[in-house]
């Protein structure tokens, strides 16, 4: 068993222990459970944006991709005239 699995099991155990109080509506138990949940998210790297979804894909319809990219570069590098 690896360390991450052990940590997940430990945090799940804590949540199970808190669950009856959470169902009763105990604010302190709810706050503790949210802290445990945050810790699980961080341990499993679920608190970070997925880099594969943060990139943009450009679809060039008609023309050549290279000429389109060159025109974009020229537009970005052009002086603003201020």
N, C-alpha and C. Protein backbone atom coordinates (compact mmCIF):
# COMPACT_ATOMS: atom_id res chain seq x y z
N UNK A 1 0.86 -1.18 0.00
CA UNK A 1 0.00 0.00 0.00
C UNK A 1 0.90 1.24 0.00
N UNK A 2 0.61 2.18 -0.90
CA UNK A 2 1.46 3.37 -0.96
C UNK A 2 1.00 4.43 0.05
N UNK A 3 1.80 5.44 0.20
CA UNK A 3 1.55 6.48 1.20
C UNK A 3 0.28 7.26 0.90
N UNK A 4 0.03 7.56 -0.37
CA UNK A 4 -1.17 8.32 -0.71
C UNK A 4 -2.43 7.53 -0.37
N UNK A 5 -2.42 6.24 -0.64
CA UNK A 5 -3.57 5.39 -0.31
C UNK A 5 -3.79 5.35 1.20
N UNK A 6 -2.70 5.27 1.95
CA UNK A 6 -2.82 5.27 3.41
C UNK A 6 -3.40 6.60 3.92
N UNK A 7 -2.94 7.70 3.33
CA UNK A 7 -3.46 9.01 3.72
C UNK A 7 -4.94 9.14 3.39
N UNK A 8 -5.33 8.68 2.20
CA UNK A 8 -6.75 8.70 1.83
C UNK A 8 -7.59 7.86 2.78
N UNK A 9 -7.10 6.69 3.14
CA UNK A 9 -7.83 5.82 4.08
C UNK A 9 -7.96 6.49 5.45
N UNK A 10 -6.89 7.12 5.90
CA UNK A 10 -6.92 7.80 7.20
C UNK A 10 -7.94 8.93 7.20
N UNK A 11 -7.95 9.73 6.14
CA UNK A 11 -8.89 10.84 6.07
C UNK A 11 -10.33 10.35 5.93
N UNK A 12 -10.53 9.27 5.18
CA UNK A 12 -11.87 8.68 5.08
C UNK A 12 -12.35 8.18 6.44
N UNK A 13 -11.45 7.60 7.23
CA UNK A 13 -11.80 7.15 8.58
C UNK A 13 -12.28 8.32 9.42
N UNK A 14 -11.55 9.44 9.35
CA UNK A 14 -11.96 10.63 10.12
C UNK A 14 -13.33 11.11 9.69
N UNK A 15 -13.59 11.10 8.40
CA UNK A 15 -14.90 11.53 7.93
C UNK A 15 -16.01 10.60 8.42
N UNK A 16 -15.76 9.31 8.42
CA UNK A 16 -16.76 8.36 8.93
C UNK A 16 -17.05 8.59 10.40
N UNK A 17 -16.02 8.94 11.16
CA UNK A 17 -16.22 9.21 12.58
C UNK A 17 -17.04 10.47 12.81
N UNK A 18 -16.89 11.44 11.95
CA UNK A 18 -17.61 12.70 12.08
C UNK A 18 -19.04 12.65 11.53
N UNK A 19 -19.33 11.66 10.68
CA UNK A 19 -20.59 11.67 9.95
C UNK A 19 -21.83 11.75 10.84
N UNK A 20 -21.95 11.01 11.94
CA UNK A 20 -23.16 11.14 12.76
C UNK A 20 -23.38 12.58 13.27
N UNK A 21 -22.31 13.23 13.67
CA UNK A 21 -22.42 14.62 14.13
C UNK A 21 -22.78 15.56 12.98
N UNK A 22 -22.26 15.27 11.81
CA UNK A 22 -22.57 16.08 10.63
C UNK A 22 -24.05 15.98 10.31
N UNK A 23 -24.58 14.75 10.35
CA UNK A 23 -26.01 14.57 10.06
C UNK A 23 -26.87 15.26 11.11
N UNK A 24 -26.38 15.34 12.32
CA UNK A 24 -27.10 16.04 13.39
C UNK A 24 -27.05 17.55 13.19
N UNK A 25 -26.09 18.02 12.40
CA UNK A 25 -25.99 19.44 12.10
C UNK A 25 -24.98 20.19 12.94
N UNK A 26 -24.07 19.47 13.56
CA UNK A 26 -23.05 20.11 14.39
C UNK A 26 -22.10 20.93 13.52
N UNK A 27 -22.10 22.24 13.74
CA UNK A 27 -21.31 23.15 12.89
C UNK A 27 -19.81 22.87 12.99
N UNK A 28 -19.32 22.51 14.17
CA UNK A 28 -17.90 22.25 14.33
C UNK A 28 -17.49 20.99 13.54
N UNK A 29 -18.33 19.97 13.58
CA UNK A 29 -18.04 18.74 12.83
C UNK A 29 -18.08 18.99 11.33
N UNK A 30 -19.02 19.82 10.90
CA UNK A 30 -19.10 20.16 9.47
C UNK A 30 -17.84 20.89 9.04
N UNK A 31 -17.37 21.83 9.85
CA UNK A 31 -16.15 22.57 9.53
C UNK A 31 -14.94 21.63 9.48
N UNK A 32 -14.87 20.70 10.43
CA UNK A 32 -13.77 19.72 10.42
C UNK A 32 -13.83 18.85 9.16
N UNK A 33 -15.03 18.43 8.79
CA UNK A 33 -15.18 17.59 7.60
C UNK A 33 -14.76 18.35 6.35
N UNK A 34 -15.09 19.63 6.27
CA UNK A 34 -14.67 20.42 5.12
C UNK A 34 -13.15 20.57 5.07
N UNK A 35 -12.53 20.71 6.23
CA UNK A 35 -11.06 20.77 6.28
C UNK A 35 -10.45 19.45 5.82
N UNK A 36 -11.05 18.34 6.24
CA UNK A 36 -10.57 17.03 5.82
C UNK A 36 -10.73 16.87 4.31
N UNK A 37 -11.87 17.32 3.81
CA UNK A 37 -12.10 17.25 2.36
C UNK A 37 -11.07 18.08 1.61
N UNK A 38 -10.78 19.28 2.08
CA UNK A 38 -9.76 20.11 1.44
C UNK A 38 -8.40 19.42 1.45
N UNK A 39 -8.10 18.76 2.55
CA UNK A 39 -6.82 18.06 2.66
C UNK A 39 -6.74 16.90 1.65
N UNK A 40 -7.87 16.20 1.48
CA UNK A 40 -7.90 15.11 0.49
C UNK A 40 -7.71 15.67 -0.92
N UNK A 41 -8.35 16.79 -1.22
CA UNK A 41 -8.22 17.40 -2.54
C UNK A 41 -6.77 17.76 -2.82
N UNK A 42 -6.10 18.35 -1.83
CA UNK A 42 -4.70 18.74 -2.01
C UNK A 42 -3.78 17.53 -2.13
N UNK A 43 -4.03 16.51 -1.33
CA UNK A 43 -3.19 15.31 -1.35
C UNK A 43 -3.27 14.60 -2.70
N UNK A 44 -4.44 14.68 -3.33
CA UNK A 44 -4.65 14.01 -4.62
C UNK A 44 -4.49 14.96 -5.81
N UNK A 45 -3.98 16.16 -5.55
CA UNK A 45 -3.74 17.18 -6.57
C UNK A 45 -5.00 17.56 -7.35
N UNK A 46 -6.14 17.51 -6.67
CA UNK A 46 -7.40 17.88 -7.31
C UNK A 46 -7.73 19.35 -7.11
N UNK A 47 -6.87 20.06 -6.41
CA UNK A 47 -7.08 21.49 -6.16
C UNK A 47 -6.39 22.36 -7.21
N UNK A 48 -5.73 21.72 -8.18
CA UNK A 48 -5.00 22.45 -9.21
C UNK A 48 -5.73 22.34 -10.53
N UNK A 49 -5.67 23.40 -11.35
CA UNK A 49 -6.32 23.30 -12.66
C UNK A 49 -5.63 22.27 -13.54
N UNK A 50 -6.40 21.61 -14.34
CA UNK A 50 -5.87 20.62 -15.28
C UNK A 50 -5.29 21.36 -16.47
N UNK A 51 -3.98 21.23 -16.67
CA UNK A 51 -3.32 21.97 -17.74
C UNK A 51 -3.83 21.56 -19.13
N UNK A 52 -4.33 20.36 -19.27
CA UNK A 52 -4.82 19.93 -20.58
C UNK A 52 -6.11 20.64 -20.96
N UNK A 53 -6.85 21.16 -19.98
CA UNK A 53 -8.08 21.88 -20.29
C UNK A 53 -7.86 23.38 -20.35
N UNK A 54 -6.65 23.84 -20.05
CA UNK A 54 -6.37 25.26 -20.03
C UNK A 54 -5.77 25.78 -21.33
N UNK A 55 -5.59 24.90 -22.30
CA UNK A 55 -5.01 25.33 -23.57
C UNK A 55 -6.12 25.57 -24.59
N UNK A 56 -5.87 26.42 -25.53
CA UNK A 56 -6.85 26.72 -26.57
C UNK A 56 -6.44 26.04 -27.86
N UNK A 57 -7.42 25.57 -28.57
CA UNK A 57 -7.18 24.96 -29.86
C UNK A 57 -7.76 25.90 -30.91
N UNK A 58 -7.00 26.19 -31.94
CA UNK A 58 -7.44 27.07 -33.01
C UNK A 58 -7.67 26.22 -34.24
N UNK A 59 -8.85 26.34 -34.78
CA UNK A 59 -9.18 25.63 -36.01
C UNK A 59 -9.13 26.63 -37.15
N UNK A 60 -8.29 26.38 -38.13
CA UNK A 60 -8.16 27.27 -39.29
C UNK A 60 -9.01 26.69 -40.40
N UNK A 61 -10.00 27.47 -40.81
CA UNK A 61 -10.88 27.02 -41.88
C UNK A 61 -10.52 27.80 -43.14
N UNK A 62 -10.06 27.12 -44.16
CA UNK A 62 -9.63 27.78 -45.39
C UNK A 62 -8.25 28.39 -45.21
N UNK A 63 -7.51 28.47 -46.23
CA UNK A 63 -6.18 29.05 -46.15
C UNK A 63 -5.19 28.07 -45.55
N UNK A 64 -4.02 28.60 -45.26
CA UNK A 64 -2.95 27.78 -44.72
C UNK A 64 -2.71 28.12 -43.25
N UNK A 65 -2.47 27.12 -42.47
CA UNK A 65 -2.23 27.31 -41.05
C UNK A 65 -1.02 28.20 -40.80
N UNK A 66 0.05 27.98 -41.55
CA UNK A 66 1.28 28.76 -41.35
C UNK A 66 1.05 30.25 -41.61
N UNK A 67 0.32 30.58 -42.67
CA UNK A 67 0.08 31.99 -42.97
C UNK A 67 -0.82 32.62 -41.92
N UNK A 68 -1.76 31.86 -41.40
CA UNK A 68 -2.64 32.36 -40.34
C UNK A 68 -1.83 32.67 -39.08
N UNK A 69 -0.94 31.79 -38.70
CA UNK A 69 -0.11 31.99 -37.52
C UNK A 69 0.80 33.19 -37.71
N UNK A 70 1.38 33.33 -38.89
CA UNK A 70 2.24 34.49 -39.17
C UNK A 70 1.46 35.79 -39.08
N UNK A 71 0.22 35.81 -39.56
CA UNK A 71 -0.58 37.03 -39.47
C UNK A 71 -0.94 37.34 -38.02
N UNK A 72 -1.17 36.32 -37.21
CA UNK A 72 -1.42 36.55 -35.78
C UNK A 72 -0.19 37.13 -35.10
N UNK A 73 0.98 36.59 -35.42
CA UNK A 73 2.23 37.10 -34.83
C UNK A 73 2.44 38.56 -35.24
N UNK A 74 2.19 38.87 -36.49
CA UNK A 74 2.37 40.25 -36.97
C UNK A 74 1.41 41.19 -36.25
N UNK A 75 0.19 40.74 -35.99
CA UNK A 75 -0.79 41.58 -35.32
C UNK A 75 -0.39 41.83 -33.87
N UNK A 76 0.17 40.83 -33.23
CA UNK A 76 0.59 40.96 -31.82
C UNK A 76 1.83 41.86 -31.72
N UNK A 77 2.74 41.73 -32.67
CA UNK A 77 4.01 42.49 -32.62
C UNK A 77 3.87 43.90 -33.18
N UNK A 78 2.77 44.22 -33.84
CA UNK A 78 2.58 45.55 -34.44
C UNK A 78 2.50 46.61 -33.34
N UNK A 79 3.11 47.76 -33.55
CA UNK A 79 3.03 48.84 -32.56
C UNK A 79 1.59 49.31 -32.44
N UNK A 80 1.21 49.69 -31.21
CA UNK A 80 -0.17 50.08 -30.95
C UNK A 80 -0.49 51.49 -31.41
N UNK A 81 0.52 52.32 -31.69
CA UNK A 81 0.28 53.67 -32.20
C UNK A 81 0.05 54.68 -31.11
N UNK A 82 0.31 54.33 -29.86
CA UNK A 82 0.12 55.29 -28.74
C UNK A 82 1.24 56.25 -28.64
